[in-house]
């Protein structure tokens, strides 16, 4: 009798463990093709400066854009589901502190797919000291992800890594137009201040800012992994060796149409395989 009870209890434990691991199985399988999607993020996802001077160009967004020259995630999904509805919930200038609000908006829209690209503005502060701490970045991003998972439990969530902003300095530092734009417009001074300086203090500052971006990406990867319906790009955007030709010539910071196409090309294969 004692042996029988032990076997029953063991079966119950195994059964409960099997249930606990169901999310991992679900994550390994491609979710259904969505009928609606929303994009969360900052000016990059708004397509800022991709079609006009200092304006959002959402039609050229790598995520939800409609331009054939970009071939966004949305346009690729429409090749499978032509009735896809899209919402661009990103906001130019946004930081990770804005993600909870954008997540709530996506939940209210009841979408089946969400893309997230956030963190460039957290590192691109007016000075190194103004960057968002890694701890604050993590807590705010986790809060946004919890909102999405609770409100959209069946939605697929894709998280892109933050671009390597030191690469931005590398491709533009020897271009006089880029240096002028960075200075006059006070762009990303944590990284781009004194772009031609080789002083150890400036070299070390750039390395520290780059490391902060790498740390943010570690957070994005780790928090995404906590949710069975989330996929991270594996650092694909951060590791892509973009060129000056991918940047808007108005500010030498935001992706132009070619840059938006590059983002779509790099991120979509890292997603859900629709």
Protein backbone atom coordinates (compact mmCIF):
# COMPACT_ATOMS: atom_id res chain seq x y z
CA UNK A 1 0.00 0.00 0.00
CA UNK A 2 2.82 2.35 0.88
CA UNK A 3 4.52 1.65 -2.46
CA UNK A 4 1.28 2.35 -4.32
CA UNK A 5 0.85 5.73 -2.60
CA UNK A 6 4.44 6.60 -3.44
CA UNK A 7 3.87 5.79 -7.09
CA UNK A 8 0.69 7.89 -7.15
CA UNK A 9 2.48 10.85 -5.59
CA UNK A 10 5.38 10.45 -8.04
CA UNK A 11 2.96 10.45 -10.96
CA UNK A 12 1.33 13.61 -9.65
CA UNK A 13 4.69 15.36 -9.34
CA UNK A 14 5.68 14.36 -12.87
CA UNK A 15 2.32 15.57 -14.17
CA UNK A 16 2.69 18.94 -12.46
CA UNK A 17 6.20 19.35 -13.83
CA UNK A 18 4.96 18.59 -17.32
CA UNK A 19 2.36 21.35 -17.01
CA UNK A 20 5.00 23.74 -15.71
CA UNK A 21 7.11 23.20 -18.81
CA UNK A 22 4.31 23.72 -21.35
CA UNK A 23 5.29 27.39 -21.96
CA UNK A 24 8.77 26.34 -23.08
CA UNK A 25 7.25 23.97 -25.62
CA UNK A 26 4.90 26.71 -26.83
CA UNK A 27 7.84 29.11 -27.19
CA UNK A 28 9.69 26.62 -29.39
CA UNK A 29 6.78 26.50 -31.83
CA UNK A 30 5.88 29.29 -34.25
CA UNK A 31 2.69 31.08 -33.14
CA UNK A 32 -0.21 31.65 -35.56
CA UNK A 33 0.17 34.39 -38.15
CA UNK A 34 -1.15 37.55 -36.43
CA UNK A 35 -4.10 39.58 -37.65
CA UNK A 36 -2.88 42.74 -35.88
CA UNK A 37 0.39 44.14 -34.57
CA UNK A 38 1.80 47.10 -32.65
CA UNK A 39 5.28 48.59 -32.49
CA UNK A 40 6.77 49.99 -29.30
CA UNK A 41 9.89 52.12 -29.11
CA UNK A 42 11.38 55.49 -29.96
CA UNK A 43 12.18 57.64 -33.00
CA UNK A 44 13.86 54.78 -34.83
CA UNK A 45 10.56 52.89 -34.92
CA UNK A 46 8.71 56.09 -35.83
CA UNK A 47 10.92 56.33 -38.94
CA UNK A 48 12.10 59.77 -37.85
CA UNK A 49 14.04 61.59 -40.59
CA UNK A 50 13.58 58.71 -43.03
CA UNK A 51 11.50 60.73 -45.51
CA UNK A 52 11.51 64.36 -44.43
CA UNK A 53 13.36 66.93 -42.36
CA UNK A 54 12.80 66.31 -38.65
CA UNK A 55 9.44 64.56 -39.03
CA UNK A 56 8.20 61.08 -38.20
CA UNK A 57 7.91 58.88 -41.28
CA UNK A 58 5.90 55.95 -39.95
CA UNK A 59 5.34 54.56 -43.45
CA UNK A 60 9.08 53.77 -43.47
CA UNK A 61 9.25 52.16 -40.06
CA UNK A 62 11.16 48.86 -39.98
CA UNK A 63 8.32 47.40 -37.92
CA UNK A 64 4.89 48.62 -39.01
CA UNK A 65 5.74 50.68 -42.10
CA UNK A 66 3.88 50.33 -45.39
CA UNK A 67 6.63 51.41 -47.82
CA UNK A 68 7.75 48.80 -50.32
CA UNK A 69 11.25 50.31 -50.16
CA UNK A 70 11.55 49.19 -46.52
CA UNK A 71 9.60 45.92 -46.56
CA UNK A 72 8.84 46.06 -42.85
CA UNK A 73 7.73 43.25 -40.58
CA UNK A 74 4.14 44.29 -41.33
CA UNK A 75 4.61 44.12 -45.08
CA UNK A 76 6.21 40.69 -44.84
CA UNK A 77 3.36 39.42 -42.68
CA UNK A 78 0.85 40.85 -45.16
CA UNK A 79 2.30 38.49 -47.74
CA UNK A 80 0.70 35.76 -45.62
CA UNK A 81 -2.22 37.73 -44.14
CA UNK A 82 -3.23 40.68 -46.29
CA UNK A 83 -5.74 41.95 -43.71
CA UNK A 84 -3.12 42.66 -41.02
CA UNK A 85 -3.93 45.75 -38.91
CA UNK A 86 -1.03 47.85 -37.61
CA UNK A 87 -0.49 50.38 -34.83
CA UNK A 88 2.69 52.39 -34.35
CA UNK A 89 2.71 53.12 -30.61
CA UNK A 90 6.35 54.28 -30.52
CA UNK A 91 7.18 57.88 -29.69
CA UNK A 92 10.16 59.95 -30.78
CA UNK A 93 12.36 60.69 -27.80
CA UNK A 94 11.05 57.75 -25.78
CA UNK A 95 13.16 55.95 -23.20
CA UNK A 96 12.52 52.75 -21.31
CA UNK A 97 10.45 54.76 -18.83
CA UNK A 98 7.82 55.16 -21.56
CA UNK A 99 7.47 51.44 -22.22
CA UNK A 100 4.78 50.74 -19.62
CA UNK A 101 2.48 53.31 -21.20
CA UNK A 102 3.13 51.99 -24.69
CA UNK A 103 2.52 48.45 -23.45
CA UNK A 104 -0.83 49.48 -22.01
CA UNK A 105 -1.75 51.01 -25.35
CA UNK A 106 -0.84 47.81 -27.21
CA UNK A 107 -2.95 45.82 -24.76
CA UNK A 108 -5.91 48.13 -25.37
CA UNK A 109 -5.53 47.46 -29.10
CA UNK A 110 -5.71 43.70 -28.52
CA UNK A 111 -2.90 42.93 -30.97
CA UNK A 112 -1.41 39.54 -31.73
CA UNK A 113 2.16 40.69 -32.34
CA UNK A 114 4.33 43.35 -30.69
CA UNK A 115 7.80 44.57 -31.65
CA UNK A 116 10.04 46.48 -29.23
CA UNK A 117 13.18 48.49 -29.95
CA UNK A 118 14.15 50.70 -27.02
CA UNK A 119 17.25 51.92 -25.23
CA UNK A 120 19.15 54.19 -27.61
CA UNK A 121 17.89 57.31 -25.85
CA UNK A 122 18.72 55.83 -22.45
CA UNK A 123 22.38 55.71 -23.50
CA UNK A 124 22.36 58.76 -25.78
CA UNK A 125 22.13 61.36 -23.03
CA UNK A 126 23.56 64.86 -22.96
CA UNK A 127 26.45 63.44 -20.93
CA UNK A 128 27.67 60.10 -19.66
CA UNK A 129 26.25 60.79 -16.20
CA UNK A 130 22.79 61.24 -17.67
CA UNK A 131 22.48 57.67 -18.92
CA UNK A 132 19.80 55.42 -17.41
CA UNK A 133 21.23 53.02 -14.85
CA UNK A 134 21.17 49.34 -15.75
CA UNK A 135 19.05 48.57 -12.69
CA UNK A 136 16.43 51.16 -13.59
CA UNK A 137 16.43 50.00 -17.20
CA UNK A 138 15.78 46.43 -16.08
CA UNK A 139 12.97 47.22 -13.66
CA UNK A 140 11.14 49.43 -16.15
CA UNK A 141 11.52 47.02 -19.05
CA UNK A 142 10.35 44.10 -16.90
CA UNK A 143 7.30 46.09 -15.82
CA UNK A 144 6.39 46.74 -19.47
CA UNK A 145 6.86 43.10 -20.40
CA UNK A 146 4.68 42.02 -17.47
CA UNK A 147 1.92 44.33 -18.72
CA UNK A 148 2.12 42.83 -22.19
CA UNK A 149 2.15 39.24 -21.00
CA UNK A 150 -0.76 39.78 -18.62
CA UNK A 151 -2.87 41.75 -21.08
CA UNK A 152 -1.91 39.89 -24.26
CA UNK A 153 -1.11 36.35 -23.07
CA UNK A 154 -1.31 34.86 -26.56
CA UNK A 155 0.56 37.60 -28.41
CA UNK A 156 4.00 37.08 -29.91
CA UNK A 157 6.56 39.62 -28.68
CA UNK A 158 9.76 40.43 -30.55
CA UNK A 159 12.56 42.39 -28.88
CA UNK A 160 15.34 43.90 -31.00
CA UNK A 161 18.75 44.67 -29.57
CA UNK A 162 19.90 48.29 -29.36
CA UNK A 163 22.26 49.38 -32.16
CA UNK A 164 25.93 49.79 -31.31
CA UNK A 165 26.16 53.55 -30.93
CA UNK A 166 29.94 53.40 -30.84
CA UNK A 167 29.68 52.14 -34.41
CA UNK A 168 27.83 55.41 -35.11
CA UNK A 169 30.87 57.32 -33.90
CA UNK A 170 33.22 55.09 -35.91
CA UNK A 171 31.45 55.62 -39.24
CA UNK A 172 30.86 59.35 -38.79
CA UNK A 173 33.82 60.76 -36.87
CA UNK A 174 35.82 61.51 -40.03
CA UNK A 175 32.89 63.09 -41.87
CA UNK A 176 32.72 66.85 -41.38
CA UNK A 177 28.97 67.00 -42.05
CA UNK A 178 28.30 64.35 -39.43
CA UNK A 179 30.47 66.06 -36.85
CA UNK A 180 28.77 69.39 -37.52
CA UNK A 181 25.29 67.88 -37.15
CA UNK A 182 26.21 66.09 -33.93
CA UNK A 183 27.57 69.30 -32.44
CA UNK A 184 24.91 71.79 -33.60
CA UNK A 185 22.02 69.49 -32.72
CA UNK A 186 23.64 68.20 -29.49
CA UNK A 187 23.12 64.61 -30.59
CA UNK A 188 24.09 61.75 -28.26
CA UNK A 189 26.81 63.72 -26.53
CA UNK A 190 27.49 60.89 -24.08
CA UNK A 191 29.10 59.12 -27.06
CA UNK A 192 29.58 61.76 -29.76
CA UNK A 193 31.10 64.69 -27.84
CA UNK A 194 34.59 65.59 -29.09
CA UNK A 195 34.40 62.96 -31.84
CA UNK A 196 37.97 63.42 -33.12
CA UNK A 197 39.59 63.39 -29.71
CA UNK A 198 42.00 60.57 -28.94
CA UNK A 199 42.51 61.59 -25.33
CA UNK A 200 42.31 58.60 -22.97
CA UNK A 201 39.40 60.21 -21.11
CA UNK A 202 37.33 60.39 -24.31
CA UNK A 203 38.37 56.94 -25.49
CA UNK A 204 37.42 55.42 -22.14
CA UNK A 205 34.14 57.35 -22.06
CA UNK A 206 33.12 55.93 -25.43
CA UNK A 207 33.97 52.42 -24.24
CA UNK A 208 31.89 52.89 -21.09
CA UNK A 209 28.89 54.13 -23.05
CA UNK A 210 29.18 51.19 -25.42
CA UNK A 211 29.33 48.85 -22.45
CA UNK A 212 26.16 50.43 -21.06
CA UNK A 213 24.39 49.60 -24.33
CA UNK A 214 25.73 46.05 -24.12
CA UNK A 215 24.42 45.82 -20.55
CA UNK A 216 20.99 47.05 -21.65
CA UNK A 217 20.98 44.36 -24.34
CA UNK A 218 21.76 41.75 -21.71
CA UNK A 219 18.71 42.98 -19.81
CA UNK A 220 16.53 42.83 -22.92
CA UNK A 221 17.64 39.27 -23.59
CA UNK A 222 17.19 38.11 -20.00
CA UNK A 223 13.79 39.64 -19.42
CA UNK A 224 12.51 38.45 -22.79
CA UNK A 225 13.59 34.91 -21.83
CA UNK A 226 11.31 35.11 -18.79
CA UNK A 227 8.30 35.14 -21.11
CA UNK A 228 7.43 32.11 -23.21
CA UNK A 229 5.92 34.21 -25.99
CA UNK A 230 8.96 36.49 -26.42
CA UNK A 231 11.90 36.27 -28.79
CA UNK A 232 15.05 38.39 -28.68
CA UNK A 233 17.11 38.97 -31.82
CA UNK A 234 20.22 37.46 -30.28
CA UNK A 235 22.15 40.73 -30.66
CA UNK A 236 21.63 40.88 -34.42
CA UNK A 237 21.03 44.65 -34.55
CA UNK A 238 23.84 45.44 -32.10
CA UNK A 239 26.28 43.34 -34.09
CA UNK A 240 25.35 44.62 -37.55
CA UNK A 241 28.20 46.70 -39.11
CA UNK A 242 26.02 49.50 -40.47
CA UNK A 243 27.56 52.19 -42.68
CA UNK A 244 27.26 55.97 -42.96
CA UNK A 245 25.01 55.35 -45.98
CA UNK A 246 22.38 53.88 -43.63
CA UNK A 247 22.01 57.21 -41.79
CA UNK A 248 19.92 60.28 -42.47
CA UNK A 249 22.05 63.13 -43.83
CA UNK A 250 19.96 65.58 -41.79
CA UNK A 251 21.33 64.39 -38.45
CA UNK A 252 23.68 61.45 -39.13
CA UNK A 253 21.99 59.60 -36.31
CA UNK A 254 18.63 58.18 -37.37
CA UNK A 255 18.32 55.47 -40.02
CA UNK A 256 17.32 56.68 -43.48
CA UNK A 257 15.13 54.55 -45.74
CA UNK A 258 18.06 52.25 -46.49
CA UNK A 259 18.78 51.96 -42.79
CA UNK A 260 15.17 51.12 -42.02
CA UNK A 261 15.28 48.42 -44.69
CA UNK A 262 18.45 47.06 -43.11
CA UNK A 263 16.73 46.89 -39.71
CA UNK A 264 13.81 44.97 -41.20
CA UNK A 265 16.16 42.61 -43.05
CA UNK A 266 18.22 41.92 -39.92
CA UNK A 267 15.36 41.53 -37.44
CA UNK A 268 12.63 39.70 -39.28
CA UNK A 269 14.57 36.43 -39.75
CA UNK A 270 15.32 36.48 -36.00
CA UNK A 271 11.60 36.48 -35.23
CA UNK A 272 8.80 33.97 -35.54
CA UNK A 273 9.20 32.68 -39.09
CA UNK A 274 5.87 33.69 -40.58
